[in-house]
Every structure is written in C-alpha cells, then in structure tokens.
PDB file of N, CA and C in Angstrom:
ATOM      1  N   MET A   1      17.504  19.078   8.873  1.00  0.00           N
ATOM      2  CA  MET A   1      16.642  18.175   9.322  1.00  0.00           C
ATOM      3  C   MET A   1      14.999  18.053   8.571  1.00  0.00           C
ATOM      4  N   TYR A   2      14.577  19.301   7.756  1.00  0.00           N
ATOM      5  CA  TYR A   2      13.935  19.827   6.438  1.00  0.00           C
ATOM      6  C   TYR A   2      14.382  18.934   5.662  1.00  0.00           C
ATOM      7  N   ILE A   3      15.346  18.736   5.178  1.00  0.00           N
ATOM      8  CA  ILE A   3      15.748  18.186   3.809  1.00  0.00           C
ATOM      9  C   ILE A   3      15.267  16.414   3.981  1.00  0.00           C
ATOM     10  N   PHE A   4      16.044  15.849   5.327  1.00  0.00           N
ATOM     11  CA  PHE A   4      16.074  14.726   5.811  1.00  0.00           C
ATOM     12  C   PHE A   4      14.666  13.706   5.985  1.00  0.00           C
ATOM     13  N   LEU A   5      13.653  14.407   6.835  1.00  0.00           N
ATOM     14  CA  LEU A   5      12.208  14.378   6.717  1.00  0.00           C
ATOM     15  C   LEU A   5      11.711  14.647   5.557  1.00  0.00           C
ATOM     16  N   THR A   6      11.863  15.235   4.456  1.00  0.00           N
ATOM     17  CA  THR A   6      11.332  15.797   3.140  1.00  0.00           C
ATOM     18  C   THR A   6      12.142  13.995   2.064  1.00  0.00           C
ATOM     19  N   ILE A   7      12.730  13.901   2.499  1.00  0.00           N
ATOM     20  CA  ILE A   7      13.429  12.530   1.783  1.00  0.00           C
ATOM     21  C   ILE A   7      12.386  11.397   2.022  1.00  0.00           C
ATOM     22  N   LEU A   8      12.364  11.145   3.449  1.00  0.00           N
ATOM     23  CA  LEU A   8      12.151  10.283   4.450  1.00  0.00           C
ATOM     24  C   LEU A   8      10.477  10.172   3.639  1.00  0.00           C
ATOM     25  N   ASP A   9       9.836  11.310   3.910  1.00  0.00           N
ATOM     26  CA  ASP A   9       8.289  11.084   3.113  1.00  0.00           C
ATOM     27  C   ASP A   9       8.138  11.174   2.073  1.00  0.00           C
ATOM     28  N   VAL A  10       9.015  11.537   1.224  1.00  0.00           N
ATOM     29  CA  VAL A  10       9.077  10.405  -0.767  1.00  0.00           C
ATOM     30  C   VAL A  10       9.368   9.625  -0.809  1.00  0.00           C
ATOM     31  N   LEU A  11      10.778   8.802   0.305  1.00  0.00           N
ATOM     32  CA  LEU A  11      10.846   7.472  -0.165  1.00  0.00           C
ATOM     33  C   LEU A  11       9.442   6.702   0.713  1.00  0.00           C
ATOM     34  N   VAL A  12       8.794   6.848   2.102  1.00  0.00           N
ATOM     35  CA  VAL A  12       7.676   6.315   2.388  1.00  0.00           C
ATOM     36  C   VAL A  12       6.472   6.234   1.431  1.00  0.00           C
ATOM     37  N   CYS A  13       6.235   7.423   0.744  1.00  0.00           N
ATOM     38  CA  CYS A  13       5.447   7.549  -0.164  1.00  0.00           C
ATOM     39  C   CYS A  13       5.463   6.942  -1.481  1.00  0.00           C
ATOM     40  N   LEU A  14       6.252   6.455  -1.546  1.00  0.00           N
ATOM     41  CA  LEU A  14       6.856   5.438  -3.008  1.00  0.00           C
ATOM     42  C   LEU A  14       6.839   3.922  -2.439  1.00  0.00           C
ATOM     43  N   GLY A  15       6.952   3.818  -1.033  1.00  0.00           N
ATOM     44  CA  GLY A  15       6.643   2.779  -0.675  1.00  0.00           C
ATOM     45  C   GLY A  15       5.468   2.119  -0.831  1.00  0.00           C
ATOM     46  N   LEU A  16       4.587   3.215  -0.252  1.00  0.00           N
ATOM     47  CA  LEU A  16       3.291   3.067   0.204  1.00  0.00           C
ATOM     48  C   LEU A  16       2.765   3.056  -1.291  1.00  0.00           C
ATOM     49  N   ILE A  17       2.931   3.801  -2.600  1.00  0.00           N
ATOM     50  CA  ILE A  17       2.294   3.159  -3.402  1.00  0.00           C
ATOM     51  C   ILE A  17       2.690   2.404  -4.190  1.00  0.00           C
ATOM     52  N   ALA A  18       3.740   1.447  -4.345  1.00  0.00           N
ATOM     53  CA  ALA A  18       4.371   0.740  -4.568  1.00  0.00           C
ATOM     54  C   ALA A  18       3.219  -0.990  -3.891  1.00  0.00           C
ATOM     55  N   VAL A  19       3.085  -0.854  -2.298  1.00  0.00           N
ATOM     56  CA  VAL A  19       2.587  -1.915  -1.903  1.00  0.00           C
ATOM     57  C   VAL A  19       1.010  -1.836  -2.174  1.00  0.00           C
ATOM     58  N   ILE A  20       0.676  -0.712  -2.122  1.00  0.00           N
ATOM     59  CA  ILE A  20      -1.018  -0.735  -2.983  1.00  0.00           C
ATOM     60  C   ILE A  20      -1.336  -1.308  -4.341  1.00  0.00           C
ATOM     61  N   LEU A  21      -0.483  -0.897  -5.031  1.00  0.00           N
ATOM     62  CA  LEU A  21      -0.515  -1.474  -6.071  1.00  0.00           C
ATOM     63  C   LEU A  21      -0.392  -3.044  -6.307  1.00  0.00           C
ATOM     64  N   MET A  22       0.771  -3.766  -5.047  1.00  0.00           N
ATOM     65  CA  MET A  22       0.845  -5.092  -5.371  1.00  0.00           C
ATOM     66  C   MET A  22      -0.369  -5.941  -4.898  1.00  0.00           C
ATOM     67  N   GLN A  23      -1.307  -5.194  -3.921  1.00  0.00           N
ATOM     68  CA  GLN A  23      -2.363  -5.738  -3.330  1.00  0.00           C
ATOM     69  C   GLN A  23      -3.486  -6.178  -4.367  1.00  0.00           C
ATOM     70  N   SER A  24      -4.182  -7.385  -4.576  1.00  0.00           N
ATOM     71  CA  SER A  24      -4.977  -7.962  -5.667  1.00  0.00           C
ATOM     72  C   SER A  24      -6.503  -6.959  -5.390  1.00  0.00           C
ATOM     73  N   SER A  25      -7.059  -6.859  -6.648  1.00  0.00           N
ATOM     74  CA  SER A  25      -8.197  -5.828  -6.326  1.00  0.00           C
ATOM     75  C   SER A  25      -9.173  -6.724  -6.204  1.00  0.00           C
ATOM     76  N   LYS A  26     -10.293  -6.046  -5.831  1.00  0.00           N
ATOM     77  CA  LYS A  26     -11.331  -6.466  -5.389  1.00  0.00           C
ATOM     78  C   LYS A  26     -12.833  -6.522  -6.029  1.00  0.00           C
ATOM     79  N   SER A  27     -12.651  -6.353  -6.855  1.00  0.00           N
ATOM     80  CA  SER A  27     -13.263  -6.215  -8.153  1.00  0.00           C
ATOM     81  C   SER A  27     -14.099  -7.055  -8.576  1.00  0.00           C
ATOM     82  N   THR A  28     -15.094  -6.766  -8.919  1.00  0.00           N
ATOM     83  CA  THR A  28     -16.115  -8.065  -9.620  1.00  0.00           C
ATOM     84  C   THR A  28     -16.271  -7.782 -11.151  1.00  0.00           C
ATOM     85  N   GLY A  29     -15.611  -7.483 -11.643  1.00  0.00           N
ATOM     86  CA  GLY A  29     -15.598  -7.213 -13.126  1.00  0.00           C
ATOM     87  C   GLY A  29     -15.116  -8.160 -14.068  1.00  0.00           C
ATOM     88  N   VAL A  30     -15.441  -7.585 -15.499  1.00  0.00           N
ATOM     89  CA  VAL A  30     -14.969  -8.376 -16.081  1.00  0.00           C
ATOM     90  C   VAL A  30     -13.886  -9.739 -15.870  1.00  0.00           C
ATOM     91  N   SER A  31     -12.107  -8.474 -15.287  1.00  0.00           N
ATOM     92  CA  SER A  31     -11.394  -9.233 -14.741  1.00  0.00           C
ATOM     93  C   SER A  31     -11.828 -10.260 -13.416  1.00  0.00           C
ATOM     94  N   GLY A  32     -12.477  -9.930 -12.560  1.00  0.00           N
ATOM     95  CA  GLY A  32     -12.567 -10.281 -11.581  1.00  0.00           C
ATOM     96  C   GLY A  32     -13.721 -11.664 -12.001  1.00  0.00           C
ATOM     97  N   VAL A  33     -14.421 -11.720 -12.787  1.00  0.00           N
ATOM     98  CA  VAL A  33     -15.067 -13.165 -13.360  1.00  0.00           C
ATOM     99  C   VAL A  33     -13.702 -14.068 -13.932  1.00  0.00           C
ATOM    100  N   ILE A  34     -12.884 -13.955 -14.604  1.00  0.00           N
ATOM    101  CA  ILE A  34     -11.675 -14.270 -14.855  1.00  0.00           C
ATOM    102  C   ILE A  34     -10.721 -15.179 -13.986  1.00  0.00           C
ATOM    103  N   GLY A  35     -10.909 -13.640 -13.294  1.00  0.00           N
ATOM    104  CA  GLY A  35      -9.620 -13.981 -11.992  1.00  0.00           C
ATOM    105  C   GLY A  35     -10.480 -14.745 -11.042  1.00  0.00           C
ATOM    106  N   GLY A  36     -11.676 -14.915 -10.740  1.00  0.00           N
ATOM    107  CA  GLY A  36     -12.535 -15.765  -9.975  1.00  0.00           C
ATOM    108  C   GLY A  36     -12.789 -16.797 -10.153  1.00  0.00           C
ATOM    109  N   ALA A  37     -12.598 -17.394 -11.828  1.00  0.00           N
ATOM    110  CA  ALA A  37     -11.782 -18.943 -11.562  1.00  0.00           C
ATOM    111  C   ALA A  37     -10.850 -19.429 -11.851  1.00  0.00           C
ATOM    112  N   SER A  38     -10.133 -18.653 -11.973  1.00  0.00           N
ATOM    113  CA  SER A  38      -8.442 -18.846 -11.475  1.00  0.00           C
ATOM    114  C   SER A  38      -8.070 -19.496 -10.328  1.00  0.00           C
ATOM    115  N   GLU A  39      -9.171 -18.513  -9.463  1.00  0.00           N
ATOM    116  CA  GLU A  39      -8.732 -18.672  -7.859  1.00  0.00           C
ATOM    117  C   GLU A  39      -9.655 -19.836  -7.412  1.00  0.00           C
ATOM    118  N   GLN A  40     -10.622 -20.954  -8.089  1.00  0.00           N
ATOM    119  CA  GLN A  40     -11.049 -21.609  -7.810  1.00  0.00           C
ATOM    120  C   GLN A  40      -9.824 -22.692  -8.400  1.00  0.00           C
ATOM    121  N   PHE A  41      -8.953 -22.559  -9.051  1.00  0.00           N
ATOM    122  CA  PHE A  41      -8.285 -23.984  -9.395  1.00  0.00           C
ATOM    123  C   PHE A  41      -7.117 -23.873  -8.572  1.00  0.00           C
ATOM    124  N   PHE A  42      -6.513 -22.794  -8.570  1.00  0.00           N
ATOM    125  CA  PHE A  42      -5.057 -22.394  -7.951  1.00  0.00           C
ATOM    126  C   PHE A  42      -5.222 -22.089  -6.694  1.00  0.00           C
ATOM    127  N   GLY A  43      -6.492 -21.271  -5.875  1.00  0.00           N
ATOM    128  CA  GLY A  43      -6.642 -20.667  -4.746  1.00  0.00           C
ATOM    129  C   GLY A  43      -5.830 -19.420  -4.613  1.00  0.00           C
ATOM    130  N   LYS A  44      -6.363 -18.568  -3.519  1.00  0.00           N
ATOM    131  CA  LYS A  44      -5.939 -17.346  -3.427  1.00  0.00           C
ATOM    132  C   LYS A  44      -5.106 -17.179  -2.282  1.00  0.00           C
ATOM    133  N   LYS A  45      -3.881 -16.445  -2.076  1.00  0.00           N
ATOM    134  CA  LYS A  45      -3.040 -16.046  -1.151  1.00  0.00           C
ATOM    135  C   LYS A  45      -3.400 -15.149  -0.338  1.00  0.00           C
ATOM    136  N   LYS A  46      -4.133 -15.577   0.822  1.00  0.00           N
ATOM    137  CA  LYS A  46      -4.932 -14.612   1.740  1.00  0.00           C
ATOM    138  C   LYS A  46      -3.805 -14.248   2.911  1.00  0.00           C
ATOM    139  N   GLY A  47      -2.498 -14.818   3.046  1.00  0.00           N
ATOM    140  CA  GLY A  47      -1.623 -14.504   3.766  1.00  0.00           C
ATOM    141  C   GLY A  47      -0.945 -12.970   3.261  1.00  0.00           C
ATOM    142  N   MET A  48      -0.606 -13.154   1.796  1.00  0.00           N
ATOM    143  CA  MET A  48      -0.208 -11.804   1.264  1.00  0.00           C
ATOM    144  C   MET A  48      -0.867 -10.768   1.331  1.00  0.00           C
ATOM    145  N   ASP A  49      -1.986 -10.870   0.957  1.00  0.00           N
ATOM    146  CA  ASP A  49      -2.970  -9.943   0.974  1.00  0.00           C
ATOM    147  C   ASP A  49      -3.094  -9.123   2.057  1.00  0.00           C
ATOM    148  N   GLU A  50      -3.613  -9.920   3.223  1.00  0.00           N
ATOM    149  CA  GLU A  50      -3.462  -9.244   4.623  1.00  0.00           C
ATOM    150  C   GLU A  50      -1.867  -8.247   5.304  1.00  0.00           C
ATOM    151  N   LEU A  51      -0.949  -9.423   4.707  1.00  0.00           N
ATOM    152  CA  LEU A  51       0.341  -9.037   4.899  1.00  0.00           C
ATOM    153  C   LEU A  51       0.772  -7.422   4.301  1.00  0.00           C
ATOM    154  N   LEU A  52       0.258  -7.087   2.716  1.00  0.00           N
ATOM    155  CA  LEU A  52       0.361  -6.095   2.054  1.00  0.00           C
ATOM    156  C   LEU A  52      -0.728  -4.920   2.865  1.00  0.00           C
ATOM    157  N   SER A  53      -2.076  -4.949   3.224  1.00  0.00           N
ATOM    158  CA  SER A  53      -2.719  -4.686   3.809  1.00  0.00           C
ATOM    159  C   SER A  53      -2.060  -4.392   5.284  1.00  0.00           C
ATOM    160  N   ARG A  54      -1.942  -4.907   5.855  1.00  0.00           N
ATOM    161  CA  ARG A  54      -1.200  -4.215   6.887  1.00  0.00           C
ATOM    162  C   ARG A  54       0.064  -3.166   6.427  1.00  0.00           C
ATOM    163  N   ILE A  55       0.962  -3.580   6.032  1.00  0.00           N
ATOM    164  CA  ILE A  55       1.813  -2.560   5.591  1.00  0.00           C
ATOM    165  C   ILE A  55       1.555  -1.294   5.214  1.00  0.00           C
ATOM    166  N   SER A  56       0.834  -1.502   4.021  1.00  0.00           N
ATOM    167  CA  SER A  56       0.109  -0.494   3.833  1.00  0.00           C
ATOM    168  C   SER A  56      -0.705   0.493   5.100  1.00  0.00           C
ATOM    169  N   SER A  57      -1.259  -0.163   5.723  1.00  0.00           N
ATOM    170  CA  SER A  57      -1.644   0.725   7.024  1.00  0.00           C
ATOM    171  C   SER A  57      -0.399   1.398   7.638  1.00  0.00           C
ATOM    172  N   VAL A  58       0.323   0.831   7.985  1.00  0.00           N
ATOM    173  CA  VAL A  58       1.595   1.084   9.235  1.00  0.00           C
ATOM    174  C   VAL A  58       2.570   2.754   8.125  1.00  0.00           C
ATOM    175  N   LEU A  59       2.369   2.157   6.786  1.00  0.00           N
ATOM    176  CA  LEU A  59       2.765   3.027   5.937  1.00  0.00           C
ATOM    177  C   LEU A  59       2.315   4.622   5.667  1.00  0.00           C
ATOM    178  N   ALA A  60       0.680   4.111   5.805  1.00  0.00           N
ATOM    179  CA  ALA A  60      -0.120   5.468   5.706  1.00  0.00           C
ATOM    180  C   ALA A  60      -0.021   6.389   6.802  1.00  0.00           C
ATOM    181  N   ALA A  61       0.289   5.466   7.915  1.00  0.00           N
ATOM    182  CA  ALA A  61       0.149   5.998   9.626  1.00  0.00           C
ATOM    183  C   ALA A  61       1.777   7.213   9.329  1.00  0.00           C
ATOM    184  N   VAL A  62       2.508   6.511   8.854  1.00  0.00           N
ATOM    185  CA  VAL A  62       3.876   7.258   9.108  1.00  0.00           C
ATOM    186  C   VAL A  62       3.833   7.871   7.976  1.00  0.00           C
ATOM    187  N   PHE A  63       3.522   7.797   6.815  1.00  0.00           N
ATOM    188  CA  PHE A  63       3.262   9.241   5.879  1.00  0.00           C
ATOM    189  C   PHE A  63       2.744  10.192   6.535  1.00  0.00           C
ATOM    190  N   PHE A  64       1.275   9.719   7.361  1.00  0.00           N
ATOM    191  CA  PHE A  64       0.769  10.862   7.910  1.00  0.00           C
ATOM    192  C   PHE A  64       1.592  11.925   8.967  1.00  0.00           C
ATOM    193  N   VAL A  65       2.122  10.805   9.633  1.00  0.00           N
ATOM    194  CA  VAL A  65       3.143  11.857  10.812  1.00  0.00           C
ATOM    195  C   VAL A  65       4.236  12.710  10.122  1.00  0.00           C
ATOM    196  N   LEU A  66       4.588  11.663   9.640  1.00  0.00           N
ATOM    197  CA  LEU A  66       6.068  12.555   8.278  1.00  0.00           C
ATOM    198  C   LEU A  66       5.281  13.605   8.259  1.00  0.00           C
ATOM    199  N   THR A  67       4.395  14.015   7.266  1.00  0.00           N
ATOM    200  CA  THR A  67       3.878  14.754   6.464  1.00  0.00           C
ATOM    201  C   THR A  67       3.225  16.184   7.341  1.00  0.00           C
ATOM    202  N   LEU A  68       3.111  15.702   8.390  1.00  0.00           N
ATOM    203  CA  LEU A  68       2.684  16.623   9.618  1.00  0.00           C
ATOM    204  C   LEU A  68       3.520  17.084  10.215  1.00  0.00           C
ATOM    205  N   LEU A  69       4.690  16.620  10.394  1.00  0.00           N
ATOM    206  CA  LEU A  69       6.073  16.728  11.139  1.00  0.00           C
ATOM    207  C   LEU A  69       6.574  18.102  10.108  1.00  0.00           C
ATOM    208  N   ILE A  70       6.147  17.647   9.057  1.00  0.00           N
ATOM    209  CA  ILE A  70       6.776  18.783   7.888  1.00  0.00           C
ATOM    210  C   ILE A  70       5.976  20.030   7.653  1.00  0.00           C
ATOM    211  N   ALA A  71       4.559  19.818   7.705  1.00  0.00           N
ATOM    212  CA  ALA A  71       4.125  21.065   7.840  1.00  0.00           C
ATOM    213  C   ALA A  71       4.141  21.900   8.869  1.00  0.00           C
ATOM    214  N   ILE A  72       4.702  21.275   9.972  1.00  0.00           N
ATOM    215  CA  ILE A  72       4.739  22.183  11.302  1.00  0.00           C
ATOM    216  C   ILE A  72       6.181  22.844  11.575  1.00  0.00           C
ATOM    217  N   ILE A  73       7.667  21.950  10.726  1.00  0.00           N
ATOM    218  CA  ILE A  73       8.624  22.889  10.626  1.00  0.00           C
ATOM    219  C   ILE A  73       8.580  23.861   9.830  1.00  0.00           C
ATOM    220  N   TYR A  74       8.252  23.417   8.718  1.00  0.00           N
ATOM    221  CA  TYR A  74       8.157  24.460   7.642  1.00  0.00           C
ATOM    222  C   TYR A  74       7.264  25.289   8.149  1.00  0.00           C
TER     223      TYR A  74
END
C-alpha cells in the first residue's frame, strides 16, 4: 500500500508540475510587453488558462491528501 501511494504521489506531482508550467504567466516584464502586443492581434485563450488553473487546483489537493496519507501510514 505504501509503495502504491508513493508511486501515485510521484505521478500526481509530475502532473502538477507539467500543468503549472503550461499555464501562461501573468508578468508584465519585457516578455509581457512583447506578449501583450501579440495578444491584441491573435487573442488570448482564456478557456485554456481557466481549465489549467482548475486542473492544477485539483492536482494540488490530491497531492496534499496523498502526502498526508503517506505520512500517516509511514
């Protein structure tokens, strides 16, 4: 059971990292200025950002619960 939870925890962690890296940044630095100009012409995909935000919230909650279960079992 411990090994299964640990493997599941690692997979959820990797998924969480991937989803967070896929989200667009909200910075207004130099890259934000360049990106902001392109968004005026091509538009921003709000639906994808909202979906990635929800997925990251769910994965973070699952990661939290799994980590607590592993700590309790071990």
